[in-house]
C-alpha atoms as a PDB file:
ATOM      1  CA  UNK A   1     103.706 110.329 100.300  1.00  0.00           C
ATOM      2  CA  UNK A   2     104.369 106.729  99.316  1.00  0.00           C
ATOM      3  CA  UNK A   3     101.566 105.749 101.698  1.00  0.00           C
ATOM      4  CA  UNK A   4      99.081 107.629  99.568  1.00  0.00           C
ATOM      5  CA  UNK A   5     100.397 106.109  96.342  1.00  0.00           C
ATOM      6  CA  UNK A   6      99.940 102.592  97.700  1.00  0.00           C
ATOM      7  CA  UNK A   7      96.577 103.345  99.354  1.00  0.00           C
ATOM      8  CA  UNK A   8      98.018 102.409 102.756  1.00  0.00           C
ATOM      9  CA  UNK A   9      96.120 105.143 104.547  1.00  0.00           C
ATOM     10  CA  UNK A  10      96.254 103.524 107.983  1.00  0.00           C
ATOM     11  CA  UNK A  11     100.059 103.412 107.934  1.00  0.00           C
ATOM     12  CA  UNK A  12     100.133 106.899 106.464  1.00  0.00           C
ATOM     13  CA  UNK A  13      97.885 108.171 109.217  1.00  0.00           C
ATOM     14  CA  UNK A  14     100.257 106.887 111.904  1.00  0.00           C
ATOM     15  CA  UNK A  15     103.206 108.493 110.141  1.00  0.00           C
ATOM     16  CA  UNK A  16     101.521 111.861 109.644  1.00  0.00           C
ATOM     17  CA  UNK A  17     100.233 111.969 113.223  1.00  0.00           C
ATOM     18  CA  UNK A  18     103.815 111.363 114.353  1.00  0.00           C
ATOM     19  CA  UNK A  19     104.968 114.219 112.133  1.00  0.00           C
ATOM     20  CA  UNK A  20     102.373 116.472 113.762  1.00  0.00           C
ATOM     21  CA  UNK A  21     103.751 115.620 117.187  1.00  0.00           C
ATOM     22  CA  UNK A  22     107.022 117.182 116.028  1.00  0.00           C
ATOM     23  CA  UNK A  23     105.454 120.110 114.155  1.00  0.00           C
ATOM     24  CA  UNK A  24     101.740 120.550 114.978  1.00  0.00           C
ATOM     25  CA  UNK A  25     101.440 123.567 112.661  1.00  0.00           C
ATOM     26  CA  UNK A  26     102.725 121.914 109.481  1.00  0.00           C
ATOM     27  CA  UNK A  27      99.991 122.464 106.844  1.00  0.00           C
ATOM     28  CA  UNK A  28     101.171 119.624 104.621  1.00  0.00           C
ATOM     29  CA  UNK A  29     101.144 117.116 107.493  1.00  0.00           C
ATOM     30  CA  UNK A  30      97.697 118.390 108.541  1.00  0.00           C
ATOM     31  CA  UNK A  31      96.432 118.014 104.984  1.00  0.00           C
ATOM     32  CA  UNK A  32      97.857 114.508 104.553  1.00  0.00           C
ATOM     33  CA  UNK A  33      96.410 113.489 107.912  1.00  0.00           C
ATOM     34  CA  UNK A  34      93.014 114.756 106.758  1.00  0.00           C
ATOM     35  CA  UNK A  35      93.341 112.770 103.510  1.00  0.00           C
ATOM     36  CA  UNK A  36      94.087 109.605 105.461  1.00  0.00           C
ATOM     37  CA  UNK A  37      91.109 110.163 107.741  1.00  0.00           C
ATOM     38  CA  UNK A  38      88.901 110.773 104.703  1.00  0.00           C
ATOM     39  CA  UNK A  39      90.077 107.587 102.980  1.00  0.00           C
ATOM     40  CA  UNK A  40      89.475 105.681 106.225  1.00  0.00           C
ATOM     41  CA  UNK A  41      85.918 107.125 106.301  1.00  0.00           C
ATOM     42  CA  UNK A  42      86.604 109.004 109.529  1.00  0.00           C
ATOM     43  CA  UNK A  43      84.954 112.150 108.242  1.00  0.00           C
ATOM     44  CA  UNK A  44      84.693 114.040 111.544  1.00  0.00           C
ATOM     45  CA  UNK A  45      88.465 113.767 111.999  1.00  0.00           C
ATOM     46  CA  UNK A  46      89.003 114.709 108.375  1.00  0.00           C
ATOM     47  CA  UNK A  47      87.002 117.895 108.913  1.00  0.00           C
ATOM     48  CA  UNK A  48      88.919 118.683 112.088  1.00  0.00           C
ATOM     49  CA  UNK A  49      92.348 118.347 110.474  1.00  0.00           C
ATOM     50  CA  UNK A  50      91.298 120.065 107.244  1.00  0.00           C
ATOM     51  CA  UNK A  51      90.054 123.070 109.212  1.00  0.00           C
ATOM     52  CA  UNK A  52      93.342 123.189 111.138  1.00  0.00           C
ATOM     53  CA  UNK A  53      95.240 123.044 107.870  1.00  0.00           C
ATOM     54  CA  UNK A  54      93.436 126.035 106.348  1.00  0.00           C
ATOM     55  CA  UNK A  55      94.116 128.009 109.516  1.00  0.00           C
ATOM     56  CA  UNK A  56      97.807 127.825 108.581  1.00  0.00           C
ATOM     57  CA  UNK A  57      97.456 127.754 104.798  1.00  0.00           C
ATOM     58  CA  UNK A  58      94.194 129.281 103.627  1.00  0.00           C
ATOM     59  CA  UNK A  59      95.085 128.627  99.990  1.00  0.00           C
ATOM     60  CA  UNK A  60      95.026 124.837 100.426  1.00  0.00           C
ATOM     61  CA  UNK A  61      92.003 124.326  98.171  1.00  0.00           C
ATOM     62  CA  UNK A  62      92.068 120.557  98.546  1.00  0.00           C
ATOM     63  CA  UNK A  63      91.313 120.985 102.249  1.00  0.00           C
ATOM     64  CA  UNK A  64      88.176 122.966 101.481  1.00  0.00           C
ATOM     65  CA  UNK A  65      87.113 120.190  99.108  1.00  0.00           C
ATOM     66  CA  UNK A  66      87.787 117.558 101.795  1.00  0.00           C
ATOM     67  CA  UNK A  67      85.662 119.457 104.307  1.00  0.00           C
ATOM     68  CA  UNK A  68      82.733 119.717 101.908  1.00  0.00           C
ATOM     69  CA  UNK A  69      83.025 116.119 100.745  1.00  0.00           C
ATOM     70  CA  UNK A  70      83.159 114.937 104.347  1.00  0.00           C
ATOM     71  CA  UNK A  71      79.896 116.726 105.128  1.00  0.00           C
ATOM     72  CA  UNK A  72      78.503 115.232 101.913  1.00  0.00           C
ATOM     73  CA  UNK A  73      79.493 111.729 103.044  1.00  0.00           C
ATOM     74  CA  UNK A  74      78.000 112.402 106.478  1.00  0.00           C
ATOM     75  CA  UNK A  75      74.819 113.409 104.594  1.00  0.00           C
ATOM     76  CA  UNK A  76      74.823 116.818 106.246  1.00  0.00           C
ATOM     77  CA  UNK A  77      73.145 118.648 103.380  1.00  0.00           C
ATOM     78  CA  UNK A  78      72.934 122.087 104.967  1.00  0.00           C
ATOM     79  CA  UNK A  79      76.565 122.263 106.072  1.00  0.00           C
ATOM     80  CA  UNK A  80      77.792 120.691 102.851  1.00  0.00           C
ATOM     81  CA  UNK A  81      76.045 123.147 100.534  1.00  0.00           C
ATOM     82  CA  UNK A  82      76.686 126.144 102.789  1.00  0.00           C
ATOM     83  CA  UNK A  83      80.425 125.464 102.774  1.00  0.00           C
ATOM     84  CA  UNK A  84      80.615 124.832  99.039  1.00  0.00           C
ATOM     85  CA  UNK A  85      79.094 128.319  98.608  1.00  0.00           C
ATOM     86  CA  UNK A  86      81.397 129.842 101.216  1.00  0.00           C
ATOM     87  CA  UNK A  87      84.588 128.362  99.764  1.00  0.00           C
ATOM     88  CA  UNK A  88      83.657 129.071  96.144  1.00  0.00           C
ATOM     89  CA  UNK A  89      85.522 132.389  96.003  1.00  0.00           C
ATOM     90  CA  UNK A  90      88.727 130.626  97.033  1.00  0.00           C
ATOM     91  CA  UNK A  91      88.197 127.546  94.864  1.00  0.00           C
ATOM     92  CA  UNK A  92      86.494 128.854  91.729  1.00  0.00           C
ATOM     93  CA  UNK A  93      89.484 128.028  89.519  1.00  0.00           C
ATOM     94  CA  UNK A  94      89.694 124.412  90.671  1.00  0.00           C
ATOM     95  CA  UNK A  95      87.647 122.167  88.388  1.00  0.00           C
ATOM     96  CA  UNK A  96      87.792 119.230  90.830  1.00  0.00           C
ATOM     97  CA  UNK A  97      86.220 121.391  93.533  1.00  0.00           C
ATOM     98  CA  UNK A  98      83.510 122.504  91.113  1.00  0.00           C
ATOM     99  CA  UNK A  99      82.863 118.923  89.991  1.00  0.00           C
ATOM    100  CA  UNK A 100      82.489 117.824  93.609  1.00  0.00           C
ATOM    101  CA  UNK A 101      80.119 120.717  94.312  1.00  0.00           C
ATOM    102  CA  UNK A 102      78.067 119.917  91.227  1.00  0.00           C
ATOM    103  CA  UNK A 103      77.661 116.322  92.382  1.00  0.00           C
ATOM    104  CA  UNK A 104      76.471 117.530  95.787  1.00  0.00           C
ATOM    105  CA  UNK A 105      73.970 119.875  94.173  1.00  0.00           C
ATOM    106  CA  UNK A 106      72.769 117.019  92.012  1.00  0.00           C
ATOM    107  CA  UNK A 107      72.352 114.681  94.995  1.00  0.00           C
ATOM    108  CA  UNK A 108      70.373 117.285  96.892  1.00  0.00           C
ATOM    109  CA  UNK A 109      68.077 118.129  93.968  1.00  0.00           C
ATOM    110  CA  UNK A 110      69.390 121.498  92.813  1.00  0.00           C
ATOM    111  CA  UNK A 111      69.755 120.448  89.177  1.00  0.00           C
ATOM    112  CA  UNK A 112      69.727 123.923  87.608  1.00  0.00           C
ATOM    113  CA  UNK A 113      72.594 125.118  89.760  1.00  0.00           C
ATOM    114  CA  UNK A 114      74.488 121.857  89.196  1.00  0.00           C
ATOM    115  CA  UNK A 115      74.334 122.575  85.442  1.00  0.00           C
ATOM    116  CA  UNK A 116      75.874 126.005  86.052  1.00  0.00           C
ATOM    117  CA  UNK A 117      78.623 124.564  88.246  1.00  0.00           C
ATOM    118  CA  UNK A 118      79.446 121.730  85.821  1.00  0.00           C
ATOM    119  CA  UNK A 119      79.637 124.310  83.017  1.00  0.00           C
ATOM    120  CA  UNK A 120      82.172 126.290  85.056  1.00  0.00           C
ATOM    121  CA  UNK A 121      84.200 123.120  85.663  1.00  0.00           C
ATOM    122  CA  UNK A 122      84.140 122.275  81.939  1.00  0.00           C
ATOM    123  CA  UNK A 123      85.380 125.779  81.127  1.00  0.00           C
ATOM    124  CA  UNK A 124      88.429 124.964  83.258  1.00  0.00           C
ATOM    125  CA  UNK A 125      88.928 121.406  81.975  1.00  0.00           C
ATOM    126  CA  UNK A 126      87.532 120.353  78.600  1.00  0.00           C
ATOM    127  CA  UNK A 127      89.281 116.973  78.713  1.00  0.00           C
ATOM    128  CA  UNK A 128      87.600 115.126  81.601  1.00  0.00           C
ATOM    129  CA  UNK A 129      84.661 113.133  80.266  1.00  0.00           C
ATOM    130  CA  UNK A 130      83.247 112.756  83.810  1.00  0.00           C
ATOM    131  CA  UNK A 131      82.320 116.437  83.767  1.00  0.00           C
ATOM    132  CA  UNK A 132      80.242 115.980  80.621  1.00  0.00           C
ATOM    133  CA  UNK A 133      78.577 112.834  81.964  1.00  0.00           C
ATOM    134  CA  UNK A 134      77.681 114.633  85.211  1.00  0.00           C
ATOM    135  CA  UNK A 135      76.333 117.557  83.183  1.00  0.00           C
ATOM    136  CA  UNK A 136      74.286 115.135  81.076  1.00  0.00           C
ATOM    137  CA  UNK A 137      72.861 113.582  84.254  1.00  0.00           C
ATOM    138  CA  UNK A 138      71.736 116.994  85.463  1.00  0.00           C
ATOM    139  CA  UNK A 139      70.060 117.680  82.134  1.00  0.00           C
ATOM    140  CA  UNK A 140      68.325 114.288  82.305  1.00  0.00           C
ATOM    141  CA  UNK A 141      67.071 115.100  85.791  1.00  0.00           C
ATOM    142  CA  UNK A 142      65.692 118.344  84.337  1.00  0.00           C
ATOM    143  CA  UNK A 143      64.026 116.346  81.514  1.00  0.00           C
ATOM    144  CA  UNK A 144      66.134 118.150  78.934  1.00  0.00           C
ATOM    145  CA  UNK A 145      67.040 115.173  76.775  1.00  0.00           C
ATOM    146  CA  UNK A 146      68.485 117.150  73.873  1.00  0.00           C
ATOM    147  CA  UNK A 147      71.053 118.946  76.024  1.00  0.00           C
ATOM    148  CA  UNK A 148      71.796 115.676  77.839  1.00  0.00           C
ATOM    149  CA  UNK A 149      72.518 114.012  74.494  1.00  0.00           C
ATOM    150  CA  UNK A 150      74.774 116.908  73.452  1.00  0.00           C
ATOM    151  CA  UNK A 151      76.748 116.652  76.716  1.00  0.00           C
ATOM    152  CA  UNK A 152      77.225 112.907  76.228  1.00  0.00           C
ATOM    153  CA  UNK A 153      78.457 113.496  72.661  1.00  0.00           C
ATOM    154  CA  UNK A 154      81.061 115.923  73.983  1.00  0.00           C
ATOM    155  CA  UNK A 155      82.283 113.310  76.453  1.00  0.00           C
ATOM    156  CA  UNK A 156      83.356 110.980  73.656  1.00  0.00           C
END
């Protein structure tokens, strides 16, 4: 884990791939390998290892988020949004997942739904100002300046 703390994802990747040679079904090693691939912008490999991870640990919410964010970074709108919907039932209590989904909805022009998703994330975490700023952005994109202002006020 020290590799992740120091942002040395290339060294971490080598280490985690070695760990998978010993135990190819280790969900934590699969997840950490996926994280390293993601941080190295190797999104196809990130998706591959994240999907393997959830085969062995289907409660590993961070893997679902990595898969969706990888498709987002690959600008694969259809797959990205389809999978955010699909994994919602598993991840609905994870505000980071919801925040990520809201940003994807915002990027792809579904501002009304992004408002709903950001509201759900805020219900789970009232303390992260980024959620309020993202919500305000969605309101701005909907030309609802009053609600945008209120969201910004709550972020302070």
